[in-house]
PDB file of N, CA and C in Angstrom:
ATOM      1  N   MET A   1      97.648 120.955  83.197  1.00  0.00           N
ATOM      2  CA  MET A   1      96.922 121.537  84.153  1.00  0.00           C
ATOM      3  C   MET A   1      95.629 121.229  83.401  1.00  0.00           C
ATOM      4  N   ILE A   2      94.654 120.539  84.257  1.00  0.00           N
ATOM      5  CA  ILE A   2      93.087 120.546  84.209  1.00  0.00           C
ATOM      6  C   ILE A   2      93.224 122.446  84.254  1.00  0.00           C
ATOM      7  N   ASP A   3      92.083 122.880  83.317  1.00  0.00           N
ATOM      8  CA  ASP A   3      92.082 124.231  83.390  1.00  0.00           C
ATOM      9  C   ASP A   3      90.058 124.387  83.420  1.00  0.00           C
ATOM     10  N   ASP A   4      89.338 125.498  83.589  1.00  0.00           N
ATOM     11  CA  ASP A   4      88.127 125.344  83.244  1.00  0.00           C
ATOM     12  C   ASP A   4      87.580 125.047  81.835  1.00  0.00           C
ATOM     13  N   LYS A   5      88.763 125.744  81.036  1.00  0.00           N
ATOM     14  CA  LYS A   5      88.425 125.552  79.381  1.00  0.00           C
ATOM     15  C   LYS A   5      88.507 124.289  78.754  1.00  0.00           C
ATOM     16  N   LYS A   6      89.387 123.506  79.454  1.00  0.00           N
ATOM     17  CA  LYS A   6      89.342 121.725  79.200  1.00  0.00           C
ATOM     18  C   LYS A   6      88.037 121.617  79.918  1.00  0.00           C
ATOM     19  N   ILE A   7      88.040 121.709  80.843  1.00  0.00           N
ATOM     20  CA  ILE A   7      86.338 120.775  82.098  1.00  0.00           C
ATOM     21  C   ILE A   7      84.930 121.367  81.065  1.00  0.00           C
ATOM     22  N   LYS A   8      85.531 122.801  80.421  1.00  0.00           N
ATOM     23  CA  LYS A   8      83.694 123.272  79.887  1.00  0.00           C
ATOM     24  C   LYS A   8      84.035 122.376  78.620  1.00  0.00           C
ATOM     25  N   ALA A   9      84.926 122.636  77.836  1.00  0.00           N
ATOM     26  CA  ALA A   9      85.007 121.530  76.651  1.00  0.00           C
ATOM     27  C   ALA A   9      84.684 120.222  76.708  1.00  0.00           C
ATOM     28  N   ALA A  10      85.402 119.378  77.355  1.00  0.00           N
ATOM     29  CA  ALA A  10      84.623 118.325  77.600  1.00  0.00           C
ATOM     30  C   ALA A  10      83.437 118.183  78.615  1.00  0.00           C
ATOM     31  N   ALA A  11      82.757 118.731  78.722  1.00  0.00           N
ATOM     32  CA  ALA A  11      81.237 118.862  79.263  1.00  0.00           C
ATOM     33  C   ALA A  11      80.316 119.370  78.216  1.00  0.00           C
ATOM     34  N   ASN A  12      80.722 120.411  77.027  1.00  0.00           N
ATOM     35  CA  ASN A  12      80.013 120.466  75.764  1.00  0.00           C
ATOM     36  C   ASN A  12      80.025 119.206  75.427  1.00  0.00           C
ATOM     37  N   LYS A  13      81.276 118.753  75.082  1.00  0.00           N
ATOM     38  CA  LYS A  13      81.763 117.000  73.418  1.00  0.00           C
ATOM     39  C   LYS A  13      80.632 116.462  74.357  1.00  0.00           C
ATOM     40  N   HIS A  14      80.405 116.203  75.506  1.00  0.00           N
ATOM     41  CA  HIS A  14      79.649 114.470  76.368  1.00  0.00           C
ATOM     42  C   HIS A  14      78.033 115.457  76.231  1.00  0.00           C
ATOM     43  N   ILE A  15      77.914 116.734  76.224  1.00  0.00           N
ATOM     44  CA  ILE A  15      76.471 116.825  76.165  1.00  0.00           C
ATOM     45  C   ILE A  15      75.882 116.933  75.126  1.00  0.00           C
ATOM     46  N   GLU A  16      76.173 117.354  74.131  1.00  0.00           N
ATOM     47  CA  GLU A  16      76.114 117.156  72.826  1.00  0.00           C
ATOM     48  C   GLU A  16      75.998 115.813  72.052  1.00  0.00           C
ATOM     49  N   THR A  17      76.922 115.233  72.462  1.00  0.00           N
ATOM     50  CA  THR A  17      76.910 114.015  72.234  1.00  0.00           C
ATOM     51  C   THR A  17      75.559 113.560  72.477  1.00  0.00           C
ATOM     52  N   GLU A  18      75.135 113.425  74.020  1.00  0.00           N
ATOM     53  CA  GLU A  18      73.953 112.981  74.463  1.00  0.00           C
ATOM     54  C   GLU A  18      71.863 113.983  73.651  1.00  0.00           C
ATOM     55  N   TYR A  19      72.686 114.807  73.633  1.00  0.00           N
ATOM     56  CA  TYR A  19      71.209 115.871  72.997  1.00  0.00           C
ATOM     57  C   TYR A  19      71.351 115.015  71.677  1.00  0.00           C
ATOM     58  N   ALA A  20      72.592 114.812  70.749  1.00  0.00           N
ATOM     59  CA  ALA A  20      72.687 114.844  69.434  1.00  0.00           C
ATOM     60  C   ALA A  20      72.146 113.195  69.482  1.00  0.00           C
ATOM     61  N   ARG A  21      72.254 111.731  70.192  1.00  0.00           N
ATOM     62  CA  ARG A  21      71.667 110.669  70.371  1.00  0.00           C
ATOM     63  C   ARG A  21      69.914 110.412  71.093  1.00  0.00           C
ATOM     64  N   TYR A  22      70.027 111.838  71.299  1.00  0.00           N
ATOM     65  CA  TYR A  22      68.191 112.034  72.024  1.00  0.00           C
ATOM     66  C   TYR A  22      67.782 112.051  70.551  1.00  0.00           C
ATOM     67  N   ASN A  23      68.187 113.509  69.923  1.00  0.00           N
ATOM     68  CA  ASN A  23      67.310 114.172  69.231  1.00  0.00           C
ATOM     69  C   ASN A  23      67.294 113.217  67.795  1.00  0.00           C
ATOM     70  N   SER A  24      68.164 112.003  67.430  1.00  0.00           N
ATOM     71  CA  SER A  24      68.252 111.246  66.726  1.00  0.00           C
ATOM     72  C   SER A  24      67.378 110.413  66.976  1.00  0.00           C
ATOM     73  N   GLY A  25      66.634 110.264  68.208  1.00  0.00           N
ATOM     74  CA  GLY A  25      65.545 109.105  68.732  1.00  0.00           C
ATOM     75  C   GLY A  25      66.381 107.983  68.851  1.00  0.00           C
ATOM     76  N   LYS A  26      67.843 107.807  69.457  1.00  0.00           N
ATOM     77  CA  LYS A  26      68.295 106.245  69.341  1.00  0.00           C
ATOM     78  C   LYS A  26      68.438 106.144  70.994  1.00  0.00           C
ATOM     79  N   VAL A  27      67.930 106.894  71.738  1.00  0.00           N
ATOM     80  CA  VAL A  27      67.546 107.266  72.997  1.00  0.00           C
ATOM     81  C   VAL A  27      66.661 107.609  73.566  1.00  0.00           C
ATOM     82  N   GLU A  28      65.992 107.513  74.602  1.00  0.00           N
ATOM     83  CA  GLU A  28      64.563 107.685  75.341  1.00  0.00           C
ATOM     84  C   GLU A  28      65.117 108.463  75.948  1.00  0.00           C
ATOM     85  N   ASP A  29      64.454 109.577  76.885  1.00  0.00           N
ATOM     86  CA  ASP A  29      64.780 111.092  77.697  1.00  0.00           C
ATOM     87  C   ASP A  29      65.209 109.986  78.853  1.00  0.00           C
ATOM     88  N   GLU A  30      64.466 109.124  79.560  1.00  0.00           N
ATOM     89  CA  GLU A  30      65.138 108.715  80.582  1.00  0.00           C
ATOM     90  C   GLU A  30      66.580 107.952  80.509  1.00  0.00           C
ATOM     91  N   MET A  31      66.719 107.505  79.235  1.00  0.00           N
ATOM     92  CA  MET A  31      67.802 106.814  79.089  1.00  0.00           C
ATOM     93  C   MET A  31      69.245 107.799  79.239  1.00  0.00           C
ATOM     94  N   ILE A  32      69.135 108.822  78.762  1.00  0.00           N
ATOM     95  CA  ILE A  32      69.951 110.300  79.839  1.00  0.00           C
ATOM     96  C   ILE A  32      70.066 110.350  81.015  1.00  0.00           C
ATOM     97  N   CYS A  33      69.260 109.902  81.449  1.00  0.00           N
ATOM     98  CA  CYS A  33      69.129 110.488  83.161  1.00  0.00           C
ATOM     99  C   CYS A  33      69.814 109.187  83.742  1.00  0.00           C
ATOM    100  N   LEU A  34      69.453 108.240  82.966  1.00  0.00           N
ATOM    101  CA  LEU A  34      70.209 106.945  83.660  1.00  0.00           C
ATOM    102  C   LEU A  34      71.739 106.523  83.408  1.00  0.00           C
ATOM    103  N   ARG A  35      72.288 107.424  82.480  1.00  0.00           N
ATOM    104  CA  ARG A  35      73.533 107.598  82.475  1.00  0.00           C
ATOM    105  C   ARG A  35      74.209 108.507  82.895  1.00  0.00           C
ATOM    106  N   GLY A  36      73.431 109.506  83.935  1.00  0.00           N
ATOM    107  CA  GLY A  36      74.409 110.210  84.250  1.00  0.00           C
ATOM    108  C   GLY A  36      75.329 110.028  85.135  1.00  0.00           C
ATOM    109  N   LYS A  37      75.305 108.743  86.278  1.00  0.00           N
ATOM    110  CA  LYS A  37      76.279 108.017  86.798  1.00  0.00           C
ATOM    111  C   LYS A  37      77.396 107.738  85.880  1.00  0.00           C
ATOM    112  N   GLY A  38      76.879 106.954  85.029  1.00  0.00           N
ATOM    113  CA  GLY A  38      78.685 106.453  84.317  1.00  0.00           C
ATOM    114  C   GLY A  38      78.892 107.793  83.807  1.00  0.00           C
ATOM    115  N   SER A  39      78.466 108.523  83.310  1.00  0.00           N
ATOM    116  CA  SER A  39      78.954 110.064  82.661  1.00  0.00           C
ATOM    117  C   SER A  39      79.915 110.570  83.606  1.00  0.00           C
ATOM    118  N   PHE A  40      78.869 110.852  85.084  1.00  0.00           N
ATOM    119  CA  PHE A  40      80.054 111.046  85.737  1.00  0.00           C
ATOM    120  C   PHE A  40      81.336 110.853  86.125  1.00  0.00           C
ATOM    121  N   LYS A  41      80.850 109.223  86.121  1.00  0.00           N
ATOM    122  CA  LYS A  41      82.626 109.150  86.502  1.00  0.00           C
ATOM    123  C   LYS A  41      83.701 108.570  85.745  1.00  0.00           C
ATOM    124  N   GLU A  42      83.184 108.717  84.417  1.00  0.00           N
ATOM    125  CA  GLU A  42      83.999 109.066  83.323  1.00  0.00           C
ATOM    126  C   GLU A  42      84.352 110.279  82.845  1.00  0.00           C
ATOM    127  N   GLY A  43      83.826 111.418  83.408  1.00  0.00           N
ATOM    128  CA  GLY A  43      84.593 112.870  83.518  1.00  0.00           C
ATOM    129  C   GLY A  43      85.002 112.797  84.643  1.00  0.00           C
ATOM    130  N   ALA A  44      85.275 112.090  85.709  1.00  0.00           N
ATOM    131  CA  ALA A  44      86.143 112.259  87.078  1.00  0.00           C
ATOM    132  C   ALA A  44      87.400 111.258  86.971  1.00  0.00           C
ATOM    133  N   LYS A  45      87.503 110.382  85.924  1.00  0.00           N
ATOM    134  CA  LYS A  45      88.396 109.980  85.724  1.00  0.00           C
ATOM    135  C   LYS A  45      89.155 110.682  84.555  1.00  0.00           C
ATOM    136  N   TRP A  46      88.426 110.940  83.717  1.00  0.00           N
ATOM    137  CA  TRP A  46      89.296 112.110  82.515  1.00  0.00           C
ATOM    138  C   TRP A  46      90.287 113.474  83.753  1.00  0.00           C
ATOM    139  N   ALA A  47      89.168 113.758  84.814  1.00  0.00           N
ATOM    140  CA  ALA A  47      90.288 114.858  85.211  1.00  0.00           C
ATOM    141  C   ALA A  47      91.096 114.299  86.017  1.00  0.00           C
ATOM    142  N   ILE A  48      91.347 113.355  86.510  1.00  0.00           N
ATOM    143  CA  ILE A  48      92.062 112.821  87.361  1.00  0.00           C
ATOM    144  C   ILE A  48      93.621 112.744  86.585  1.00  0.00           C
ATOM    145  N   ASN A  49      92.918 111.842  85.375  1.00  0.00           N
ATOM    146  CA  ASN A  49      94.127 111.424  84.383  1.00  0.00           C
ATOM    147  C   ASN A  49      94.730 112.586  83.377  1.00  0.00           C
ATOM    148  N   GLU A  50      94.233 113.726  83.122  1.00  0.00           N
ATOM    149  CA  GLU A  50      94.595 114.933  83.129  1.00  0.00           C
ATOM    150  C   GLU A  50      95.605 115.561  84.370  1.00  0.00           C
ATOM    151  N   PHE A  51      95.498 115.769  84.825  1.00  0.00           N
ATOM    152  CA  PHE A  51      96.145 116.138  86.773  1.00  0.00           C
ATOM    153  C   PHE A  51      97.138 115.065  86.433  1.00  0.00           C
ATOM    154  N   LEU A  52      96.877 114.006  86.683  1.00  0.00           N
ATOM    155  CA  LEU A  52      98.616 113.215  86.815  1.00  0.00           C
ATOM    156  C   LEU A  52      99.388 112.889  85.540  1.00  0.00           C
ATOM    157  N   LYS A  53      98.804 113.547  84.083  1.00  0.00           N
ATOM    158  CA  LYS A  53      99.453 113.095  83.585  1.00  0.00           C
ATOM    159  C   LYS A  53     100.718 113.980  83.016  1.00  0.00           C
ATOM    160  N   ASP A  54     100.364 115.541  83.527  1.00  0.00           N
ATOM    161  CA  ASP A  54     100.976 116.751  83.590  1.00  0.00           C
ATOM    162  C   ASP A  54     102.036 117.165  84.959  1.00  0.00           C
ATOM    163  N   LEU A  55     101.693 115.905  85.765  1.00  0.00           N
ATOM    164  CA  LEU A  55     102.776 115.789  86.960  1.00  0.00           C
ATOM    165  C   LEU A  55     104.222 115.262  87.104  1.00  0.00           C
ATOM    166  N   TRP A  56     103.731 114.078  86.174  1.00  0.00           N
ATOM    167  CA  TRP A  56     104.948 113.351  85.978  1.00  0.00           C
ATOM    168  C   TRP A  56     105.797 113.696  85.190  1.00  0.00           C
ATOM    169  N   HIS A  57     107.255 113.227  84.931  1.00  0.00           N
ATOM    170  CA  HIS A  57     108.204 113.697  84.644  1.00  0.00           C
ATOM    171  C   HIS A  57     109.036 112.153  83.689  1.00  0.00           C
ATOM    172  N   GLN A  58     109.400 112.348  82.995  1.00  0.00           N
ATOM    173  CA  GLN A  58     110.268 111.252  82.496  1.00  0.00           C
ATOM    174  C   GLN A  58     111.616 111.911  83.150  1.00  0.00           C
ATOM    175  N   THR A  59     112.332 109.908  82.962  1.00  0.00           N
ATOM    176  CA  THR A  59     113.583 110.480  83.924  1.00  0.00           C
ATOM    177  C   THR A  59     115.071 111.310  82.855  1.00  0.00           C
ATOM    178  N   ASN A  60     113.947 111.269  81.923  1.00  0.00           N
ATOM    179  CA  ASN A  60     115.224 111.635  80.728  1.00  0.00           C
ATOM    180  C   ASN A  60     115.137 113.587  81.191  1.00  0.00           C
ATOM    181  N   LYS A  61     114.642 113.896  81.697  1.00  0.00           N
ATOM    182  CA  LYS A  61     113.901 115.515  82.024  1.00  0.00           C
ATOM    183  C   LYS A  61     114.637 115.871  83.810  1.00  0.00           C
ATOM    184  N   GLU A  62     115.998 116.511  83.494  1.00  0.00           N
ATOM    185  CA  GLU A  62     116.170 116.662  85.520  1.00  0.00           C
ATOM    186  C   GLU A  62     115.853 117.429  85.807  1.00  0.00           C
ATOM    187  N   PRO A  63     115.803 117.597  87.353  1.00  0.00           N
ATOM    188  CA  PRO A  63     114.422 118.503  87.985  1.00  0.00           C
ATOM    189  C   PRO A  63     115.568 119.473  88.246  1.00  0.00           C
ATOM    190  N   GLU A  64     114.864 120.763  88.325  1.00  0.00           N
ATOM    191  CA  GLU A  64     115.238 121.991  88.820  1.00  0.00           C
ATOM    192  C   GLU A  64     115.625 122.329  90.097  1.00  0.00           C
ATOM    193  N   GLY A  65     115.783 123.239  90.644  1.00  0.00           N
ATOM    194  CA  GLY A  65     115.378 123.592  91.813  1.00  0.00           C
ATOM    195  C   GLY A  65     116.592 123.225  92.692  1.00  0.00           C
ATOM    196  N   TYR A  66     117.932 123.378  93.296  1.00  0.00           N
ATOM    197  CA  TYR A  66     118.706 122.987  94.566  1.00  0.00           C
ATOM    198  C   TYR A  66     117.841 122.571  95.427  1.00  0.00           C
ATOM    199  N   ASP A  67     117.042 123.550  96.224  1.00  0.00           N
ATOM    200  CA  ASP A  67     115.698 122.944  97.331  1.00  0.00           C
ATOM    201  C   ASP A  67     114.544 122.517  97.082  1.00  0.00           C
ATOM    202  N   GLU A  68     114.455 121.791  95.626  1.00  0.00           N
ATOM    203  CA  GLU A  68     113.173 121.518  95.446  1.00  0.00           C
ATOM    204  C   GLU A  68     112.635 120.171  95.763  1.00  0.00           C
ATOM    205  N   TRP A  69     111.797 119.289  96.828  1.00  0.00           N
ATOM    206  CA  TRP A  69     111.350 118.402  96.981  1.00  0.00           C
ATOM    207  C   TRP A  69     110.810 117.428  95.831  1.00  0.00           C
ATOM    208  N   ILE A  70     110.801 116.421  95.804  1.00  0.00           N
ATOM    209  CA  ILE A  70     110.448 115.724  94.464  1.00  0.00           C
ATOM    210  C   ILE A  70     110.577 113.989  95.621  1.00  0.00           C
ATOM    211  N   LEU A  71     108.939 113.482  94.576  1.00  0.00           N
ATOM    212  CA  LEU A  71     108.623 112.199  94.551  1.00  0.00           C
ATOM    213  C   LEU A  71     108.900 111.206  93.373  1.00  0.00           C
ATOM    214  N   LEU A  72     109.555 110.434  93.957  1.00  0.00           N
ATOM    215  CA  LEU A  72     110.371 109.229  92.840  1.00  0.00           C
ATOM    216  C   LEU A  72     109.537 108.020  93.036  1.00  0.00           C
ATOM    217  N   HIS A  73     109.400 107.843  91.364  1.00  0.00           N
ATOM    218  CA  HIS A  73     108.372 105.949  91.500  1.00  0.00           C
ATOM    219  C   HIS A  73     108.938 105.264  91.209  1.00  0.00           C
ATOM    220  N   TYR A  74     109.496 104.061  91.777  1.00  0.00           N
ATOM    221  CA  TYR A  74     110.311 103.078  91.555  1.00  0.00           C
ATOM    222  C   TYR A  74     109.643 102.045  90.704  1.00  0.00           C
ATOM    223  N   SER A  75     109.735 101.894  89.318  1.00  0.00           N
ATOM    224  CA  SER A  75     108.881  99.893  89.020  1.00  0.00           C
ATOM    225  C   SER A  75     109.354  99.201  89.370  1.00  0.00           C
ATOM    226  N   VAL A  76     110.490  99.114  90.353  1.00  0.00           N
ATOM    227  CA  VAL A  76     110.934  97.418  91.052  1.00  0.00           C
ATOM    228  C   VAL A  76     109.810  97.425  92.320  1.00  0.00           C
ATOM    229  N   GLY A  77     108.663  96.810  92.829  1.00  0.00           N
ATOM    230  CA  GLY A  77     107.884  96.892  93.922  1.00  0.00           C
ATOM    231  C   GLY A  77     106.541  98.239  94.029  1.00  0.00           C
ATOM    232  N   ASN A  78     106.956  98.617  93.132  1.00  0.00           N
ATOM    233  CA  ASN A  78     105.831  99.929  92.379  1.00  0.00           C
ATOM    234  C   ASN A  78     105.824 100.771  93.732  1.00  0.00           C
ATOM    235  N   TYR A  79     106.622 101.357  94.483  1.00  0.00           N
ATOM    236  CA  TYR A  79     106.906 102.350  96.056  1.00  0.00           C
ATOM    237  C   TYR A  79     107.613 103.441  94.863  1.00  0.00           C
ATOM    238  N   TYR A  80     107.043 104.044  96.290  1.00  0.00           N
ATOM    239  CA  TYR A  80     107.463 106.096  96.077  1.00  0.00           C
ATOM    240  C   TYR A  80     108.337 106.436  97.316  1.00  0.00           C
ATOM    241  N   SER A  81     109.116 107.426  97.119  1.00  0.00           N
ATOM    242  CA  SER A  81     110.255 107.810  97.991  1.00  0.00           C
ATOM    243  C   SER A  81     110.488 109.172  97.576  1.00  0.00           C
ATOM    244  N   LEU A  82     110.483 110.075  98.750  1.00  0.00           N
ATOM    245  CA  LEU A  82     110.601 111.361  99.015  1.00  0.00           C
ATOM    246  C   LEU A  82     112.235 111.957  98.810  1.00  0.00           C
ATOM    247  N   ALA A  83     112.678 112.809  97.853  1.00  0.00           N
ATOM    248  CA  ALA A  83     114.239 113.096  98.031  1.00  0.00           C
ATOM    249  C   ALA A  83     114.353 115.035  97.333  1.00  0.00           C
ATOM    250  N   GLN A  84     115.645 115.247  97.682  1.00  0.00           N
ATOM    251  CA  GLN A  84     115.528 116.659  97.730  1.00  0.00           C
ATOM    252  C   GLN A  84     116.125 116.558  96.539  1.00  0.00           C
ATOM    253  N   VAL A  85     116.691 117.878  95.983  1.00  0.00           N
ATOM    254  CA  VAL A  85     117.155 117.731  94.392  1.00  0.00           C
ATOM    255  C   VAL A  85     118.791 117.678  94.591  1.00  0.00           C
ATOM    256  N   LYS A  86     119.431 118.338  96.014  1.00  0.00           N
ATOM    257  CA  LYS A  86     120.387 118.934  96.189  1.00  0.00           C
ATOM    258  C   LYS A  86     120.825 117.237  96.607  1.00  0.00           C
ATOM    259  N   ASP A  87     120.802 116.340  96.819  1.00  0.00           N
ATOM    260  CA  ASP A  87     120.766 114.788  97.469  1.00  0.00           C
ATOM    261  C   ASP A  87     121.273 114.011  95.708  1.00  0.00           C
ATOM    262  N   PHE A  88     121.286 114.605  94.952  1.00  0.00           N
ATOM    263  CA  PHE A  88     121.412 114.350  93.995  1.00  0.00           C
ATOM    264  C   PHE A  88     123.238 114.516  93.412  1.00  0.00           C
ATOM    265  N   LYS A  89     124.341 113.943  93.218  1.00  0.00           N
ATOM    266  CA  LYS A  89     125.378 114.220  92.693  1.00  0.00           C
ATOM    267  C   LYS A  89     125.423 114.844  91.092  1.00  0.00           C
ATOM    268  N   SER A  90     125.122 113.604  90.352  1.00  0.00           N
ATOM    269  CA  SER A  90     124.981 113.307  89.227  1.00  0.00           C
ATOM    270  C   SER A  90     123.282 112.675  89.189  1.00  0.00           C
ATOM    271  N   TRP A  91     122.240 113.254  88.329  1.00  0.00           N
ATOM    272  CA  TRP A  91     121.193 112.343  87.864  1.00  0.00           C
ATOM    273  C   TRP A  91     120.656 111.422  87.297  1.00  0.00           C
ATOM    274  N   LYS A  92     121.643 112.416  85.984  1.00  0.00           N
ATOM    275  CA  LYS A  92     122.158 111.166  85.305  1.00  0.00           C
ATOM    276  C   LYS A  92     122.603 109.433  85.455  1.00  0.00           C
ATOM    277  N   GLY A  93     123.431 109.893  86.581  1.00  0.00           N
ATOM    278  CA  GLY A  93     124.074 108.576  86.976  1.00  0.00           C
ATOM    279  C   GLY A  93     123.284 107.722  87.736  1.00  0.00           C
ATOM    280  N   PHE A  94     122.035 108.472  89.024  1.00  0.00           N
ATOM    281  CA  PHE A  94     121.339 108.365  89.629  1.00  0.00           C
ATOM    282  C   PHE A  94     120.203 107.122  89.279  1.00  0.00           C
ATOM    283  N   VAL A  95     119.432 107.732  87.726  1.00  0.00           N
ATOM    284  CA  VAL A  95     118.243 107.181  87.071  1.00  0.00           C
ATOM    285  C   VAL A  95     119.180 106.014  86.287  1.00  0.00           C
ATOM    286  N   GLU A  96     120.195 106.297  85.940  1.00  0.00           N
ATOM    287  CA  GLU A  96     120.905 104.595  85.326  1.00  0.00           C
ATOM    288  C   GLU A  96     120.836 103.537  86.123  1.00  0.00           C
ATOM    289  N   ASN A  97     121.156 104.033  86.727  1.00  0.00           N
ATOM    290  CA  ASN A  97     121.349 102.542  88.415  1.00  0.00           C
ATOM    291  C   ASN A  97     120.280 102.300  89.292  1.00  0.00           C
ATOM    292  N   MET A  98     118.837 103.385  89.014  1.00  0.00           N
ATOM    293  CA  MET A  98     118.139 102.873  90.285  1.00  0.00           C
ATOM    294  C   MET A  98     116.471 102.658  88.879  1.00  0.00           C
ATOM    295  N   PRO A  99     115.855 101.902  88.845  1.00  0.00           N
ATOM    296  CA  PRO A  99     114.961 101.554  88.450  1.00  0.00           C
ATOM    297  C   PRO A  99     113.683 102.660  88.446  1.00  0.00           C
ATOM    298  N   ILE A 100     113.969 103.681  88.251  1.00  0.00           N
ATOM    299  CA  ILE A 100     112.680 105.051  87.783  1.00  0.00           C
ATOM    300  C   ILE A 100     111.779 105.234  87.355  1.00  0.00           C
ATOM    301  N   ASP A 101     110.313 105.053  87.484  1.00  0.00           N
ATOM    302  CA  ASP A 101     109.820 105.049  86.138  1.00  0.00           C
ATOM    303  C   ASP A 101     109.424 106.628  85.886  1.00  0.00           C
ATOM    304  N   GLY A 102     109.464 107.539  86.899  1.00  0.00           N
ATOM    305  CA  GLY A 102     109.410 108.767  86.646  1.00  0.00           C
ATOM    306  C   GLY A 102     109.214 109.389  88.063  1.00  0.00           C
ATOM    307  N   TRP A 103     109.417 110.489  87.853  1.00  0.00           N
ATOM    308  CA  TRP A 103     109.230 111.563  89.433  1.00  0.00           C
ATOM    309  C   TRP A 103     108.101 113.262  88.777  1.00  0.00           C
ATOM    310  N   LEU A 104     108.047 113.871  90.185  1.00  0.00           N
ATOM    311  CA  LEU A 104     106.712 114.875  89.934  1.00  0.00           C
ATOM    312  C   LEU A 104     107.906 115.702  91.190  1.00  0.00           C
ATOM    313  N   TYR A 105     107.200 117.246  90.790  1.00  0.00           N
ATOM    314  CA  TYR A 105     107.432 118.442  92.452  1.00  0.00           C
ATOM    315  C   TYR A 105     106.406 118.011  93.491  1.00  0.00           C
ATOM    316  N   VAL A 106     106.721 117.825  94.422  1.00  0.00           N
ATOM    317  CA  VAL A 106     106.057 117.926  95.372  1.00  0.00           C
ATOM    318  C   VAL A 106     105.207 119.279  95.487  1.00  0.00           C
ATOM    319  N   ASP A 107     106.011 120.339  95.353  1.00  0.00           N
ATOM    320  CA  ASP A 107     104.992 121.622  95.459  1.00  0.00           C
ATOM    321  C   ASP A 107     103.987 121.072  94.608  1.00  0.00           C
ATOM    322  N   ASP A 108     104.245 120.872  93.196  1.00  0.00           N
ATOM    323  CA  ASP A 108     102.695 120.857  92.035  1.00  0.00           C
ATOM    324  C   ASP A 108     101.281 119.970  92.314  1.00  0.00           C
ATOM    325  N   LEU A 109     101.886 119.474  93.694  1.00  0.00           N
ATOM    326  CA  LEU A 109     100.069 118.549  94.618  1.00  0.00           C
ATOM    327  C   LEU A 109      99.416 119.694  94.816  1.00  0.00           C
ATOM    328  N   PHE A 110      99.931 120.527  95.309  1.00  0.00           N
ATOM    329  CA  PHE A 110      99.465 121.790  96.159  1.00  0.00           C
ATOM    330  C   PHE A 110      98.888 123.029  95.567  1.00  0.00           C
ATOM    331  N   SER A 111      98.066 123.302  95.370  1.00  0.00           N
ATOM    332  CA  SER A 111      97.310 124.704  94.886  1.00  0.00           C
ATOM    333  C   SER A 111      98.065 125.954  95.734  1.00  0.00           C
ATOM    334  N   LYS A 112      98.445 126.822  94.313  1.00  0.00           N
ATOM    335  CA  LYS A 112      99.183 127.688  94.330  1.00  0.00           C
ATOM    336  C   LYS A 112      98.881 128.637  94.825  1.00  0.00           C
ATOM    337  N   GLU A 113      99.331 129.582  95.493  1.00  0.00           N
ATOM    338  CA  GLU A 113      99.083 130.563  96.353  1.00  0.00           C
ATOM    339  C   GLU A 113      97.810 131.881  95.850  1.00  0.00           C
ATOM    340  N   GLY A 114      96.881 131.863  96.057  1.00  0.00           N
ATOM    341  CA  GLY A 114      95.516 132.758  95.580  1.00  0.00           C
ATOM    342  C   GLY A 114      94.691 131.386  95.005  1.00  0.00           C
ATOM    343  N   GLY A 115      95.035 130.009  94.767  1.00  0.00           N
ATOM    344  CA  GLY A 115      94.677 129.651  93.118  1.00  0.00           C
ATOM    345  C   GLY A 115      94.830 129.467  92.272  1.00  0.00           C
ATOM    346  N   ASN A 116      96.128 130.192  92.053  1.00  0.00           N
ATOM    347  CA  ASN A 116      96.393 130.666  90.550  1.00  0.00           C
ATOM    348  C   ASN A 116      97.711 129.227  90.184  1.00  0.00           C
ATOM    349  N   GLN A 117      97.322 129.145  88.886  1.00  0.00           N
ATOM    350  CA  GLN A 117      98.297 127.731  88.571  1.00  0.00           C
ATOM    351  C   GLN A 117      99.063 129.068  87.586  1.00  0.00           C
TER     352      GLN A 117
END
C-alpha cells in the first residue's frame, strides 16, 4: 500500500533532482516552476500505480475468507464482476476455465476503521 514514507521518499527524490538541476545551472528558476504541473501529474500517476499494484492478486493465489467479496477482472472483453468466495467450489477449476486476469478483495478498496491500514 501507499504509505507516508513512500510518498515522502518519492517527493524528496524529486526535490533533490530539481535542486541539483537548478544548482548546476542546467535549468533556470522559472523552469522549476513550469515543471510543477508535470511533476504533480507524475506523482499522482505514481501514487495510483502503487495503490493498484498491491490490490490485485494473480489467479494462482486463491482468495481466503468464506464470506469475502472479490472483484474479478476478465481479460476477454475487459470486464469485471463481483463474486463471493463461498460461491467457488474449486478456485483452481474456475480459473482454469475462465479468462481471469486477476482479482482483488472489495474490502481493500475502502479505508480501514480509524484510517489504519
